[in-house]
Amino acid sequence: MELLQECQNKLLLFHILGDGSNTTIAVSHNLGTQDVIVQLYDTTTFDTIYCDTVRTDANTVTITTTTALATNAARILISVS
């Protein structure tokens, strides 16, 4: 995960996702809390990608899509305040 922005105790992390085969992807954010906001969008069209999101534990979210995301096709944003 890369830190995109930090201001006034709010963090916004991002990571590029997609490998062309998996529909379930675990993403480690290491924020130490399950109180996170998760958004996924297409890196080409910038459209929101709707998926199931599970806050697996205090440091991981798991997303599930109906079809596999193409390689590097999506960006996940994870924020906490």
PDB file of N, CA and C in Angstrom:
ATOM      1  N   MET A   1       0.841  -1.170   0.000  1.00  0.00           N
ATOM      2  CA  MET A   1       0.000   0.000   0.000  1.00  0.00           C
ATOM      3  C   MET A   1       0.885   1.232   0.000  1.00  0.00           C
ATOM      4  N   GLU A   2       0.455   2.226  -0.707  1.00  0.00           N
ATOM      5  CA  GLU A   2       1.167   3.490  -0.738  1.00  0.00           C
ATOM      6  C   GLU A   2       0.313   4.567  -0.072  1.00  0.00           C
ATOM      7  N   LEU A   3       0.964   5.444   0.667  1.00  0.00           N
ATOM      8  CA  LEU A   3       0.271   6.562   1.285  1.00  0.00           C
ATOM      9  C   LEU A   3       0.008   7.607   0.222  1.00  0.00           C
ATOM     10  N   LEU A   4      -1.251   7.906  -0.002  1.00  0.00           N
ATOM     11  CA  LEU A   4      -1.620   8.902  -0.999  1.00  0.00           C
ATOM     12  C   LEU A   4      -1.737  10.284  -0.371  1.00  0.00           C
ATOM     13  N   GLN A   5      -2.310  10.321   0.830  1.00  0.00           N
ATOM     14  CA  GLN A   5      -2.509  11.608   1.470  1.00  0.00           C
ATOM     15  C   GLN A   5      -2.603  11.422   2.972  1.00  0.00           C
ATOM     16  N   GLU A   6      -2.058  12.351   3.709  1.00  0.00           N
ATOM     17  CA  GLU A   6      -2.219  12.378   5.155  1.00  0.00           C
ATOM     18  C   GLU A   6      -2.407  13.820   5.588  1.00  0.00           C
ATOM     19  N   CYS A   7      -3.545  14.104   6.189  1.00  0.00           N
ATOM     20  CA  CYS A   7      -3.773  15.453   6.702  1.00  0.00           C
ATOM     21  C   CYS A   7      -4.781  15.392   7.828  1.00  0.00           C
ATOM     22  N   GLN A   8      -4.536  16.127   8.865  1.00  0.00           N
ATOM     23  CA  GLN A   8      -5.413  16.202  10.023  1.00  0.00           C
ATOM     24  C   GLN A   8      -5.820  14.821  10.519  1.00  0.00           C
ATOM     25  N   ASN A   9      -4.831  13.941  10.693  1.00  0.00           N
ATOM     26  CA  ASN A   9      -5.031  12.590  11.221  1.00  0.00           C
ATOM     27  C   ASN A   9      -5.890  11.686  10.335  1.00  0.00           C
ATOM     28  N   LYS A  10      -6.044  12.011   9.059  1.00  0.00           N
ATOM     29  CA  LYS A  10      -6.782  11.157   8.138  1.00  0.00           C
ATOM     30  C   LYS A  10      -5.799  10.548   7.155  1.00  0.00           C
ATOM     31  N   LEU A  11      -5.932   9.263   6.913  1.00  0.00           N
ATOM     32  CA  LEU A  11      -5.049   8.568   5.990  1.00  0.00           C
ATOM     33  C   LEU A  11      -5.832   8.104   4.779  1.00  0.00           C
ATOM     34  N   LEU A  12      -5.206   8.158   3.622  1.00  0.00           N
ATOM     35  CA  LEU A  12      -5.779   7.612   2.398  1.00  0.00           C
ATOM     36  C   LEU A  12      -4.698   6.789   1.726  1.00  0.00           C
ATOM     37  N   LEU A  13      -4.931   5.492   1.638  1.00  0.00           N
ATOM     38  CA  LEU A  13      -3.971   4.571   1.039  1.00  0.00           C
ATOM     39  C   LEU A  13      -4.525   4.060  -0.280  1.00  0.00           C
ATOM     40  N   PHE A  14      -3.621   3.697  -1.201  1.00  0.00           N
ATOM     41  CA  PHE A  14      -4.090   3.109  -2.448  1.00  0.00           C
ATOM     42  C   PHE A  14      -3.183   1.972  -2.876  1.00  0.00           C
ATOM     43  N   HIS A  15      -3.734   1.121  -3.704  1.00  0.00           N
ATOM     44  CA  HIS A  15      -2.989  -0.008  -4.241  1.00  0.00           C
ATOM     45  C   HIS A  15      -3.653  -0.408  -5.561  1.00  0.00           C
ATOM     46  N   ILE A  16      -2.856  -0.803  -6.533  1.00  0.00           N
ATOM     47  CA  ILE A  16      -3.378  -1.268  -7.820  1.00  0.00           C
ATOM     48  C   ILE A  16      -3.648  -2.775  -7.712  1.00  0.00           C
ATOM     49  N   LEU A  17      -4.830  -3.192  -8.167  1.00  0.00           N
ATOM     50  CA  LEU A  17      -5.250  -4.590  -8.061  1.00  0.00           C
ATOM     51  C   LEU A  17      -5.555  -5.182  -9.424  1.00  0.00           C
ATOM     52  N   GLY A  18      -5.619  -6.509  -9.448  1.00  0.00           N
ATOM     53  CA  GLY A  18      -6.027  -7.263 -10.627  1.00  0.00           C
ATOM     54  C   GLY A  18      -4.903  -8.119 -11.147  1.00  0.00           C
ATOM     55  N   ASP A  19      -5.223  -9.402 -11.366  1.00  0.00           N
ATOM     56  CA  ASP A  19      -4.222 -10.323 -11.913  1.00  0.00           C
ATOM     57  C   ASP A  19      -4.799 -11.169 -13.045  1.00  0.00           C
ATOM     58  N   GLY A  20      -6.062 -10.908 -13.402  1.00  0.00           N
ATOM     59  CA  GLY A  20      -6.682 -11.625 -14.502  1.00  0.00           C
ATOM     60  C   GLY A  20      -7.230 -12.992 -14.157  1.00  0.00           C
ATOM     61  N   SER A  21      -7.068 -13.449 -12.890  1.00  0.00           N
ATOM     62  CA  SER A  21      -7.557 -14.785 -12.566  1.00  0.00           C
ATOM     63  C   SER A  21      -8.330 -14.875 -11.251  1.00  0.00           C
ATOM     64  N   ASN A  22      -7.994 -14.072 -10.260  1.00  0.00           N
ATOM     65  CA  ASN A  22      -8.644 -14.182  -8.953  1.00  0.00           C
ATOM     66  C   ASN A  22      -9.843 -13.255  -8.828  1.00  0.00           C
ATOM     67  N   THR A  23     -10.914 -13.771  -8.220  1.00  0.00           N
ATOM     68  CA  THR A  23     -12.086 -12.952  -7.932  1.00  0.00           C
ATOM     69  C   THR A  23     -12.100 -12.497  -6.472  1.00  0.00           C
ATOM     70  N   THR A  24     -11.253 -13.089  -5.645  1.00  0.00           N
ATOM     71  CA  THR A  24     -11.120 -12.692  -4.250  1.00  0.00           C
ATOM     72  C   THR A  24      -9.681 -12.271  -3.997  1.00  0.00           C
ATOM     73  N   ILE A  25      -9.517 -11.069  -3.446  1.00  0.00           N
ATOM     74  CA  ILE A  25      -8.179 -10.522  -3.216  1.00  0.00           C
ATOM     75  C   ILE A  25      -8.121  -9.941  -1.808  1.00  0.00           C
ATOM     76  N   ALA A  26      -7.158 -10.403  -1.024  1.00  0.00           N
ATOM     77  CA  ALA A  26      -6.914  -9.834   0.302  1.00  0.00           C
ATOM     78  C   ALA A  26      -5.902  -8.708   0.167  1.00  0.00           C
ATOM     79  N   VAL A  27      -6.201  -7.576   0.792  1.00  0.00           N
ATOM     80  CA  VAL A  27      -5.327  -6.404   0.720  1.00  0.00           C
ATOM     81  C   VAL A  27      -4.921  -6.012   2.141  1.00  0.00           C
ATOM     82  N   SER A  28      -3.635  -6.012   2.407  1.00  0.00           N
ATOM     83  CA  SER A  28      -3.129  -5.605   3.712  1.00  0.00           C
ATOM     84  C   SER A  28      -2.950  -4.093   3.737  1.00  0.00           C
ATOM     85  N   HIS A  29      -3.563  -3.447   4.726  1.00  0.00           N
ATOM     86  CA  HIS A  29      -3.411  -1.992   4.840  1.00  0.00           C
ATOM     87  C   HIS A  29      -2.634  -1.601   6.100  1.00  0.00           C
ATOM     88  N   ASN A  30      -2.570  -2.487   7.074  1.00  0.00           N
ATOM     89  CA  ASN A  30      -1.789  -2.276   8.305  1.00  0.00           C
ATOM     90  C   ASN A  30      -2.135  -0.984   9.034  1.00  0.00           C
ATOM     91  N   LEU A  31      -3.421  -0.631   9.054  1.00  0.00           N
ATOM     92  CA  LEU A  31      -3.864   0.564   9.757  1.00  0.00           C
ATOM     93  C   LEU A  31      -4.261   0.278  11.203  1.00  0.00           C
ATOM     94  N   GLY A  32      -4.341  -0.988  11.561  1.00  0.00           N
ATOM     95  CA  GLY A  32      -4.632  -1.349  12.935  1.00  0.00           C
ATOM     96  C   GLY A  32      -6.073  -1.128  13.364  1.00  0.00           C
ATOM     97  N   THR A  33      -6.998  -1.072  12.402  1.00  0.00           N
ATOM     98  CA  THR A  33      -8.412  -0.883  12.725  1.00  0.00           C
ATOM     99  C   THR A  33      -9.285  -1.445  11.608  1.00  0.00           C
ATOM    100  N   GLN A  34     -10.490  -1.894  11.991  1.00  0.00           N
ATOM    101  CA  GLN A  34     -11.462  -2.323  10.990  1.00  0.00           C
ATOM    102  C   GLN A  34     -12.385  -1.173  10.595  1.00  0.00           C
ATOM    103  N   ASP A  35     -12.212  -0.008  11.215  1.00  0.00           N
ATOM    104  CA  ASP A  35     -13.008   1.172  10.890  1.00  0.00           C
ATOM    105  C   ASP A  35     -12.397   1.885   9.690  1.00  0.00           C
ATOM    106  N   VAL A  36     -12.524   1.268   8.529  1.00  0.00           N
ATOM    107  CA  VAL A  36     -11.961   1.816   7.304  1.00  0.00           C
ATOM    108  C   VAL A  36     -13.049   1.957   6.248  1.00  0.00           C
ATOM    109  N   ILE A  37     -12.829   2.877   5.339  1.00  0.00           N
ATOM    110  CA  ILE A  37     -13.709   3.070   4.187  1.00  0.00           C
ATOM    111  C   ILE A  37     -12.955   2.551   2.972  1.00  0.00           C
ATOM    112  N   VAL A  38     -13.628   1.724   2.179  1.00  0.00           N
ATOM    113  CA  VAL A  38     -12.979   1.073   1.038  1.00  0.00           C
ATOM    114  C   VAL A  38     -13.726   1.426  -0.238  1.00  0.00           C
ATOM    115  N   GLN A  39     -12.980   1.812  -1.265  1.00  0.00           N
ATOM    116  CA  GLN A  39     -13.576   2.078  -2.567  1.00  0.00           C
ATOM    117  C   GLN A  39     -12.665   1.506  -3.642  1.00  0.00           C
ATOM    118  N   LEU A  40     -13.272   0.968  -4.680  1.00  0.00           N
ATOM    119  CA  LEU A  40     -12.536   0.368  -5.784  1.00  0.00           C
ATOM    120  C   LEU A  40     -12.999   1.032  -7.076  1.00  0.00           C
ATOM    121  N   TYR A  41     -12.035   1.398  -7.955  1.00  0.00           N
ATOM    122  CA  TYR A  41     -12.450   1.959  -9.241  1.00  0.00           C
ATOM    123  C   TYR A  41     -11.542   1.499 -10.367  1.00  0.00           C
ATOM    124  N   ASP A  42     -12.084   1.562 -11.577  1.00  0.00           N
ATOM    125  CA  ASP A  42     -11.407   1.147 -12.792  1.00  0.00           C
ATOM    126  C   ASP A  42     -10.309   2.158 -13.125  1.00  0.00           C
ATOM    127  N   THR A  43      -9.090   1.681 -13.383  1.00  0.00           N
ATOM    128  CA  THR A  43      -7.965   2.584 -13.643  1.00  0.00           C
ATOM    129  C   THR A  43      -8.018   3.231 -15.029  1.00  0.00           C
ATOM    130  N   THR A  44      -8.863   2.743 -15.912  1.00  0.00           N
ATOM    131  CA  THR A  44      -8.997   3.328 -17.252  1.00  0.00           C
ATOM    132  C   THR A  44     -10.173   4.286 -17.333  1.00  0.00           C
ATOM    133  N   THR A  45     -11.346   3.834 -16.897  1.00  0.00           N
ATOM    134  CA  THR A  45     -12.564   4.642 -17.030  1.00  0.00           C
ATOM    135  C   THR A  45     -12.864   5.480 -15.787  1.00  0.00           C
ATOM    136  N   PHE A  46     -12.231   5.128 -14.666  1.00  0.00           N
ATOM    137  CA  PHE A  46     -12.464   5.767 -13.372  1.00  0.00           C
ATOM    138  C   PHE A  46     -13.862   5.505 -12.832  1.00  0.00           C
ATOM    139  N   ASP A  47     -14.564   4.538 -13.406  1.00  0.00           N
ATOM    140  CA  ASP A  47     -15.875   4.136 -12.888  1.00  0.00           C
ATOM    141  C   ASP A  47     -15.694   3.329 -11.610  1.00  0.00           C
ATOM    142  N   THR A  48     -16.640   3.485 -10.700  1.00  0.00           N
ATOM    143  CA  THR A  48     -16.631   2.702  -9.477  1.00  0.00           C
ATOM    144  C   THR A  48     -16.872   1.235  -9.809  1.00  0.00           C
ATOM    145  N   ILE A  49     -16.124   0.368  -9.183  1.00  0.00           N
ATOM    146  CA  ILE A  49     -16.320  -1.079  -9.314  1.00  0.00           C
ATOM    147  C   ILE A  49     -17.031  -1.542  -8.052  1.00  0.00           C
ATOM    148  N   TYR A  50     -18.191  -2.123  -8.228  1.00  0.00           N
ATOM    149  CA  TYR A  50     -18.954  -2.612  -7.082  1.00  0.00           C
ATOM    150  C   TYR A  50     -18.500  -4.027  -6.745  1.00  0.00           C
ATOM    151  N   CYS A  51     -18.190  -4.229  -5.479  1.00  0.00           N
ATOM    152  CA  CYS A  51     -17.688  -5.528  -5.044  1.00  0.00           C
ATOM    153  C   CYS A  51     -18.106  -5.762  -3.599  1.00  0.00           C
ATOM    154  N   ASP A  52     -17.975  -6.989  -3.151  1.00  0.00           N
ATOM    155  CA  ASP A  52     -18.191  -7.308  -1.743  1.00  0.00           C
ATOM    156  C   ASP A  52     -16.908  -6.991  -1.002  1.00  0.00           C
ATOM    157  N   THR A  53     -17.049  -6.312   0.130  1.00  0.00           N
ATOM    158  CA  THR A  53     -15.893  -5.940   0.929  1.00  0.00           C
ATOM    159  C   THR A  53     -16.062  -6.499   2.336  1.00  0.00           C
ATOM    160  N   VAL A  54     -15.040  -7.203   2.789  1.00  0.00           N
ATOM    161  CA  VAL A  54     -15.031  -7.726   4.154  1.00  0.00           C
ATOM    162  C   VAL A  54     -13.832  -7.134   4.876  1.00  0.00           C
ATOM    163  N   ARG A  55     -14.085  -6.561   6.025  1.00  0.00           N
ATOM    164  CA  ARG A  55     -12.994  -6.071   6.872  1.00  0.00           C
ATOM    165  C   ARG A  55     -12.508  -7.267   7.683  1.00  0.00           C
ATOM    166  N   THR A  56     -11.606  -8.020   7.088  1.00  0.00           N
ATOM    167  CA  THR A  56     -11.170  -9.322   7.577  1.00  0.00           C
ATOM    168  C   THR A  56     -10.599  -9.257   8.981  1.00  0.00           C
ATOM    169  N   ASP A  57      -9.741  -8.290   9.222  1.00  0.00           N
ATOM    170  CA  ASP A  57      -9.182  -8.042  10.548  1.00  0.00           C
ATOM    171  C   ASP A  57      -8.712  -6.594  10.596  1.00  0.00           C
ATOM    172  N   ALA A  58      -8.028  -6.222  11.651  1.00  0.00           N
ATOM    173  CA  ALA A  58      -7.626  -4.824  11.841  1.00  0.00           C
ATOM    174  C   ALA A  58      -6.601  -4.338  10.826  1.00  0.00           C
ATOM    175  N   ASN A  59      -6.052  -5.244  10.029  1.00  0.00           N
ATOM    176  CA  ASN A  59      -5.014  -4.855   9.068  1.00  0.00           C
ATOM    177  C   ASN A  59      -5.271  -5.310   7.639  1.00  0.00           C
ATOM    178  N   THR A  60      -6.424  -5.927   7.398  1.00  0.00           N
ATOM    179  CA  THR A  60      -6.692  -6.511   6.081  1.00  0.00           C
ATOM    180  C   THR A  60      -8.148  -6.324   5.676  1.00  0.00           C
ATOM    181  N   VAL A  61      -8.356  -6.020   4.404  1.00  0.00           N
ATOM    182  CA  VAL A  61      -9.691  -6.096   3.814  1.00  0.00           C
ATOM    183  C   VAL A  61      -9.627  -7.119   2.685  1.00  0.00           C
ATOM    184  N   THR A  62     -10.746  -7.798   2.464  1.00  0.00           N
ATOM    185  CA  THR A  62     -10.829  -8.775   1.384  1.00  0.00           C
ATOM    186  C   THR A  62     -11.960  -8.356   0.465  1.00  0.00           C
ATOM    187  N   ILE A  63     -11.643  -8.223  -0.815  1.00  0.00           N
ATOM    188  CA  ILE A  63     -12.666  -7.850  -1.785  1.00  0.00           C
ATOM    189  C   ILE A  63     -12.961  -9.053  -2.681  1.00  0.00           C
ATOM    190  N   THR A  64     -14.233  -9.150  -3.081  1.00  0.00           N
ATOM    191  CA  THR A  64     -14.662 -10.209  -3.986  1.00  0.00           C
ATOM    192  C   THR A  64     -15.465  -9.587  -5.109  1.00  0.00           C
ATOM    193  N   THR A  65     -15.085  -9.912  -6.335  1.00  0.00           N
ATOM    194  CA  THR A  65     -15.780  -9.420  -7.527  1.00  0.00           C
ATOM    195  C   THR A  65     -16.434 -10.595  -8.236  1.00  0.00           C
ATOM    196  N   THR A  66     -17.417 -10.319  -9.074  1.00  0.00           N
ATOM    197  CA  THR A  66     -18.102 -11.393  -9.790  1.00  0.00           C
ATOM    198  C   THR A  66     -17.248 -11.986 -10.902  1.00  0.00           C
ATOM    199  N   THR A  67     -16.373 -11.157 -11.477  1.00  0.00           N
ATOM    200  CA  THR A  67     -15.431 -11.648 -12.488  1.00  0.00           C
ATOM    201  C   THR A  67     -14.033 -11.182 -12.089  1.00  0.00           C
ATOM    202  N   ALA A  68     -13.033 -11.892 -12.545  1.00  0.00           N
ATOM    203  CA  ALA A  68     -11.654 -11.532 -12.223  1.00  0.00           C
ATOM    204  C   ALA A  68     -11.305 -10.177 -12.824  1.00  0.00           C
ATOM    205  N   LEU A  69     -10.591  -9.372 -12.054  1.00  0.00           N
ATOM    206  CA  LEU A  69     -10.117  -8.081 -12.547  1.00  0.00           C
ATOM    207  C   LEU A  69      -8.902  -8.308 -13.439  1.00  0.00           C
ATOM    208  N   ALA A  70      -8.871  -7.649 -14.577  1.00  0.00           N
ATOM    209  CA  ALA A  70      -7.704  -7.751 -15.458  1.00  0.00           C
ATOM    210  C   ALA A  70      -6.475  -7.215 -14.728  1.00  0.00           C
ATOM    211  N   THR A  71      -5.314  -7.558 -15.205  1.00  0.00           N
ATOM    212  CA  THR A  71      -4.064  -7.133 -14.576  1.00  0.00           C
ATOM    213  C   THR A  71      -4.008  -5.615 -14.442  1.00  0.00           C
ATOM    214  N   ASN A  72      -3.796  -5.163 -13.205  1.00  0.00           N
ATOM    215  CA  ASN A  72      -3.704  -3.739 -12.876  1.00  0.00           C
ATOM    216  C   ASN A  72      -4.915  -2.917 -13.311  1.00  0.00           C
ATOM    217  N   ALA A  73      -6.090  -3.538 -13.316  1.00  0.00           N
ATOM    218  CA  ALA A  73      -7.289  -2.885 -13.808  1.00  0.00           C
ATOM    219  C   ALA A  73      -8.011  -2.023 -12.786  1.00  0.00           C
ATOM    220  N   ALA A  74      -7.676  -2.178 -11.511  1.00  0.00           N
ATOM    221  CA  ALA A  74      -8.426  -1.462 -10.487  1.00  0.00           C
ATOM    222  C   ALA A  74      -7.508  -0.826  -9.457  1.00  0.00           C
ATOM    223  N   ARG A  75      -7.978   0.259  -8.897  1.00  0.00           N
ATOM    224  CA  ARG A  75      -7.285   0.914  -7.796  1.00  0.00           C
ATOM    225  C   ARG A  75      -8.203   0.840  -6.586  1.00  0.00           C
ATOM    226  N   ILE A  76      -7.637   0.414  -5.459  1.00  0.00           N
ATOM    227  CA  ILE A  76      -8.400   0.378  -4.224  1.00  0.00           C
ATOM    228  C   ILE A  76      -7.923   1.526  -3.340  1.00  0.00           C
ATOM    229  N   LEU A  77      -8.884   2.242  -2.799  1.00  0.00           N
ATOM    230  CA  LEU A  77      -8.604   3.325  -1.868  1.00  0.00           C
ATOM    231  C   LEU A  77      -9.095   2.887  -0.495  1.00  0.00           C
ATOM    232  N   ILE A  78      -8.256   3.018   0.503  1.00  0.00           N
ATOM    233  CA  ILE A  78      -8.627   2.655   1.865  1.00  0.00           C
ATOM    234  C   ILE A  78      -8.331   3.869   2.738  1.00  0.00           C
ATOM    235  N   SER A  79      -9.361   4.351   3.428  1.00  0.00           N
ATOM    236  CA  SER A  79      -9.167   5.531   4.272  1.00  0.00           C
ATOM    237  C   SER A  79      -9.679   5.274   5.674  1.00  0.00           C
ATOM    238  N   VAL A  80      -9.093   6.002   6.610  1.00  0.00           N
ATOM    239  CA  VAL A  80      -9.474   5.944   8.012  1.00  0.00           C
ATOM    240  C   VAL A  80      -9.310   7.335   8.589  1.00  0.00           C
ATOM    241  N   SER A  81     -10.148   7.671   9.542  1.00  0.00           N
ATOM    242  CA  SER A  81      -9.982   8.979  10.176  1.00  0.00           C
ATOM    243  C   SER A  81      -9.951   8.831  11.681  1.00  0.00           C
TER     244      SER A  81
END
